[in-house]
């Protein structure tokens, strides 16, 4: 074996395999980091939507109560004049 042969790159060597594994782990780590960040963004958006929903439900409840009170008062007035 010449010194030139011993210096050539062997893609099946232990060092090459470890380098491939390390490269894949780094790729997976980057993907996981991106997924976590996306998860945080989605959680924030969901919290905003829940807050909007709660506010909307509260407004609908107030409007329904006012309409019910208005209808009740209108019926009372109508019945009072019909007596």
N, C-alpha and C. Protein backbone atom coordinates (compact mmCIF):
# COMPACT_ATOMS: atom_id res chain seq x y z
N UNK A 1 0.86 -1.17 0.00
CA UNK A 1 0.00 0.00 0.00
C UNK A 1 0.90 1.23 0.00
N UNK A 2 0.70 2.08 -0.96
CA UNK A 2 1.52 3.28 -1.05
C UNK A 2 0.94 4.34 -0.13
N UNK A 3 1.74 5.37 0.12
CA UNK A 3 1.26 6.45 0.98
C UNK A 3 0.10 7.19 0.34
N UNK A 4 0.07 7.18 -1.00
CA UNK A 4 -1.03 7.85 -1.70
C UNK A 4 -2.34 7.09 -1.48
N UNK A 5 -2.29 5.76 -1.47
CA UNK A 5 -3.49 4.96 -1.24
C UNK A 5 -3.99 5.12 0.19
N UNK A 6 -3.11 5.23 1.14
CA UNK A 6 -3.53 5.37 2.53
C UNK A 6 -4.11 6.75 2.80
N UNK A 7 -3.80 7.74 1.97
CA UNK A 7 -4.30 9.09 2.17
C UNK A 7 -5.63 9.32 1.45
N UNK A 8 -6.06 8.39 0.58
CA UNK A 8 -7.30 8.60 -0.16
C UNK A 8 -8.50 8.45 0.77
N UNK A 9 -9.58 9.05 0.37
CA UNK A 9 -10.78 9.06 1.19
C UNK A 9 -11.53 7.74 1.03
N UNK A 10 -11.87 7.12 2.12
CA UNK A 10 -12.65 5.88 2.11
C UNK A 10 -14.04 6.20 2.66
N UNK A 11 -15.08 6.21 1.80
CA UNK A 11 -16.41 6.59 2.26
C UNK A 11 -17.02 5.59 3.24
N UNK A 12 -16.40 4.41 3.35
CA UNK A 12 -16.92 3.39 4.27
C UNK A 12 -16.11 3.30 5.56
N UNK A 13 -15.19 4.20 5.74
CA UNK A 13 -14.38 4.17 6.96
C UNK A 13 -15.23 4.59 8.16
N UNK A 14 -14.76 4.28 9.33
CA UNK A 14 -15.46 4.62 10.56
C UNK A 14 -15.62 6.13 10.69
N UNK A 15 -14.57 6.86 10.39
CA UNK A 15 -14.63 8.32 10.49
C UNK A 15 -15.66 8.89 9.52
N UNK A 16 -15.72 8.34 8.31
CA UNK A 16 -16.69 8.83 7.32
C UNK A 16 -18.11 8.53 7.79
N UNK A 17 -18.32 7.36 8.35
CA UNK A 17 -19.66 7.00 8.84
C UNK A 17 -20.06 7.90 10.01
N UNK A 18 -19.15 8.16 10.93
CA UNK A 18 -19.45 9.06 12.04
C UNK A 18 -19.77 10.46 11.54
N UNK A 19 -19.03 10.90 10.52
CA UNK A 19 -19.29 12.22 9.95
C UNK A 19 -20.68 12.28 9.33
N UNK A 20 -21.09 11.21 8.65
CA UNK A 20 -22.43 11.16 8.07
C UNK A 20 -23.50 11.19 9.15
N UNK A 21 -23.30 10.40 10.19
CA UNK A 21 -24.27 10.37 11.29
C UNK A 21 -24.35 11.73 11.96
N UNK A 22 -23.22 12.34 12.21
CA UNK A 22 -23.20 13.67 12.83
C UNK A 22 -23.90 14.69 11.95
N UNK A 23 -23.68 14.62 10.66
CA UNK A 23 -24.35 15.53 9.72
C UNK A 23 -25.86 15.34 9.77
N UNK A 24 -26.32 14.10 9.78
CA UNK A 24 -27.76 13.82 9.84
C UNK A 24 -28.35 14.29 11.17
N UNK A 25 -27.62 14.10 12.27
CA UNK A 25 -28.10 14.57 13.57
C UNK A 25 -28.23 16.09 13.60
N UNK A 26 -27.29 16.77 12.98
CA UNK A 26 -27.36 18.23 12.92
C UNK A 26 -28.56 18.67 12.09
N UNK A 27 -28.84 17.97 10.99
CA UNK A 27 -30.02 18.28 10.18
C UNK A 27 -31.30 18.07 10.99
N UNK A 28 -31.36 16.97 11.71
CA UNK A 28 -32.54 16.67 12.53
C UNK A 28 -32.71 17.70 13.63
N UNK A 29 -31.60 18.12 14.21
CA UNK A 29 -31.64 19.14 15.26
C UNK A 29 -32.20 20.45 14.71
N UNK A 30 -31.75 20.83 13.51
CA UNK A 30 -32.24 22.07 12.89
C UNK A 30 -33.73 21.96 12.59
N UNK A 31 -34.15 20.80 12.09
CA UNK A 31 -35.58 20.61 11.79
C UNK A 31 -36.41 20.66 13.08
N UNK A 32 -35.92 20.04 14.14
CA UNK A 32 -36.62 20.04 15.41
C UNK A 32 -36.73 21.45 15.97
N UNK A 33 -35.67 22.22 15.86
CA UNK A 33 -35.69 23.61 16.32
C UNK A 33 -36.74 24.41 15.55
N UNK A 34 -36.79 24.21 14.24
CA UNK A 34 -37.78 24.90 13.41
C UNK A 34 -39.20 24.47 13.78
N UNK A 35 -39.39 23.19 14.04
CA UNK A 35 -40.71 22.69 14.42
C UNK A 35 -41.14 23.28 15.76
N UNK A 36 -40.22 23.37 16.69
CA UNK A 36 -40.55 23.96 18.00
C UNK A 36 -40.95 25.42 17.86
N UNK A 37 -40.22 26.16 17.03
CA UNK A 37 -40.55 27.57 16.81
C UNK A 37 -41.92 27.69 16.16
N UNK A 38 -42.19 26.86 15.17
CA UNK A 38 -43.50 26.87 14.53
C UNK A 38 -44.60 26.53 15.54
N UNK A 39 -44.30 25.60 16.43
CA UNK A 39 -45.26 25.24 17.49
C UNK A 39 -45.56 26.42 18.40
N UNK A 40 -44.54 27.18 18.74
CA UNK A 40 -44.74 28.36 19.59
C UNK A 40 -45.61 29.40 18.88
N UNK A 41 -45.36 29.59 17.59
CA UNK A 41 -46.15 30.55 16.81
C UNK A 41 -47.61 30.10 16.76
N UNK A 42 -47.83 28.82 16.52
CA UNK A 42 -49.19 28.29 16.45
C UNK A 42 -49.88 28.41 17.80
N UNK A 43 -49.18 28.11 18.88
CA UNK A 43 -49.77 28.25 20.21
C UNK A 43 -50.18 29.70 20.48
N UNK A 44 -49.36 30.64 20.06
CA UNK A 44 -49.68 32.05 20.23
C UNK A 44 -50.92 32.42 19.42
N UNK A 45 -50.99 31.92 18.19
CA UNK A 45 -52.16 32.20 17.36
C UNK A 45 -53.43 31.58 17.95
N UNK A 46 -53.31 30.38 18.48
CA UNK A 46 -54.46 29.72 19.11
C UNK A 46 -54.92 30.50 20.32
N UNK A 47 -53.98 30.99 21.13
CA UNK A 47 -54.34 31.78 22.30
C UNK A 47 -55.09 33.05 21.87
N UNK A 48 -54.62 33.68 20.80
CA UNK A 48 -55.30 34.87 20.29
C UNK A 48 -56.71 34.56 19.82
N UNK A 49 -56.86 33.44 19.13
CA UNK A 49 -58.20 33.05 18.66
C UNK A 49 -59.13 32.72 19.82
N UNK A 50 -58.61 32.07 20.85
CA UNK A 50 -59.43 31.77 22.03
C UNK A 50 -59.87 33.06 22.72
N UNK A 51 -58.97 34.02 22.80
CA UNK A 51 -59.31 35.30 23.41
C UNK A 51 -60.39 36.00 22.59
N UNK A 52 -60.23 36.00 21.27
CA UNK A 52 -61.23 36.61 20.39
C UNK A 52 -62.57 35.91 20.56
N UNK A 53 -62.57 34.58 20.62
CA UNK A 53 -63.81 33.82 20.79
C UNK A 53 -64.49 34.18 22.11
N UNK A 54 -63.74 34.25 23.18
CA UNK A 54 -64.31 34.59 24.48
C UNK A 54 -64.91 35.99 24.46
N UNK A 55 -64.21 36.94 23.85
CA UNK A 55 -64.72 38.31 23.74
C UNK A 55 -66.00 38.33 22.91
N UNK A 56 -66.01 37.60 21.80
CA UNK A 56 -67.17 37.53 20.92
C UNK A 56 -68.36 36.92 21.66
N UNK A 57 -68.13 35.83 22.38
CA UNK A 57 -69.21 35.19 23.15
C UNK A 57 -69.76 36.16 24.19
N UNK A 58 -68.89 36.91 24.84
CA UNK A 58 -69.34 37.88 25.83
C UNK A 58 -70.20 38.96 25.20
N UNK A 59 -69.79 39.46 24.03
CA UNK A 59 -70.58 40.49 23.35
C UNK A 59 -71.93 39.93 22.92
N UNK A 60 -71.96 38.71 22.41
CA UNK A 60 -73.22 38.09 21.99
C UNK A 60 -74.14 37.91 23.19
N UNK A 61 -73.59 37.52 24.32
CA UNK A 61 -74.38 37.34 25.53
C UNK A 61 -75.00 38.66 25.98
N UNK A 62 -74.22 39.73 25.95
CA UNK A 62 -74.73 41.04 26.35
C UNK A 62 -75.83 41.50 25.39
N UNK A 63 -75.60 41.32 24.09
CA UNK A 63 -76.61 41.72 23.11
C UNK A 63 -77.88 40.90 23.29
N UNK A 64 -77.76 39.60 23.52
CA UNK A 64 -78.93 38.75 23.73
C UNK A 64 -79.69 39.18 24.98
N UNK A 65 -78.97 39.52 26.03
CA UNK A 65 -79.63 39.96 27.26
C UNK A 65 -80.36 41.28 27.04
N UNK A 66 -79.74 42.21 26.32
CA UNK A 66 -80.39 43.49 26.05
C UNK A 66 -81.62 43.32 25.16
N UNK A 67 -81.51 42.45 24.16
CA UNK A 67 -82.67 42.20 23.28
C UNK A 67 -83.79 41.56 24.08
N UNK A 68 -83.47 40.60 24.92
CA UNK A 68 -84.49 39.95 25.75
C UNK A 68 -85.16 40.96 26.68
N UNK A 69 -84.35 41.81 27.30
CA UNK A 69 -84.92 42.83 28.19
C UNK A 69 -85.79 43.80 27.40
N UNK A 70 -85.32 44.19 26.21
CA UNK A 70 -86.11 45.10 25.37
C UNK A 70 -87.42 44.48 24.95
N UNK A 71 -87.41 43.22 24.56
CA UNK A 71 -88.64 42.53 24.17
C UNK A 71 -89.57 42.41 25.37
N UNK A 72 -89.02 42.10 26.52
CA UNK A 72 -89.84 42.00 27.73
C UNK A 72 -90.50 43.33 28.08
N UNK A 73 -89.75 44.40 28.00
CA UNK A 73 -90.29 45.73 28.29
C UNK A 73 -91.35 46.10 27.26
N UNK A 74 -91.10 45.82 25.98
CA UNK A 74 -92.06 46.13 24.93
C UNK A 74 -93.36 45.36 25.15
N UNK A 75 -93.27 44.10 25.50
CA UNK A 75 -94.48 43.30 25.75
C UNK A 75 -95.23 43.85 26.96
N UNK A 76 -94.51 44.22 28.00
CA UNK A 76 -95.15 44.78 29.19
C UNK A 76 -95.91 46.07 28.85
N UNK A 77 -95.27 46.93 28.07
CA UNK A 77 -95.91 48.20 27.68
C UNK A 77 -97.15 47.92 26.82
N UNK A 78 -97.04 47.03 25.86
CA UNK A 78 -98.18 46.69 24.99
C UNK A 78 -99.33 46.13 25.82
N UNK A 79 -99.03 45.22 26.74
CA UNK A 79 -100.09 44.63 27.56
C UNK A 79 -100.71 45.68 28.49
N UNK A 80 -99.89 46.61 28.94
CA UNK A 80 -100.41 47.67 29.82
C UNK A 80 -101.42 48.54 29.07
N UNK A 81 -101.14 48.87 27.81
CA UNK A 81 -102.06 49.70 27.04
C UNK A 81 -103.29 48.92 26.57
N UNK A 82 -103.20 47.60 26.48
CA UNK A 82 -104.34 46.81 26.04
C UNK A 82 -105.34 46.54 27.16
N UNK A 83 -105.01 46.80 28.37
CA UNK A 83 -105.92 46.55 29.50
C UNK A 83 -107.01 47.54 29.55
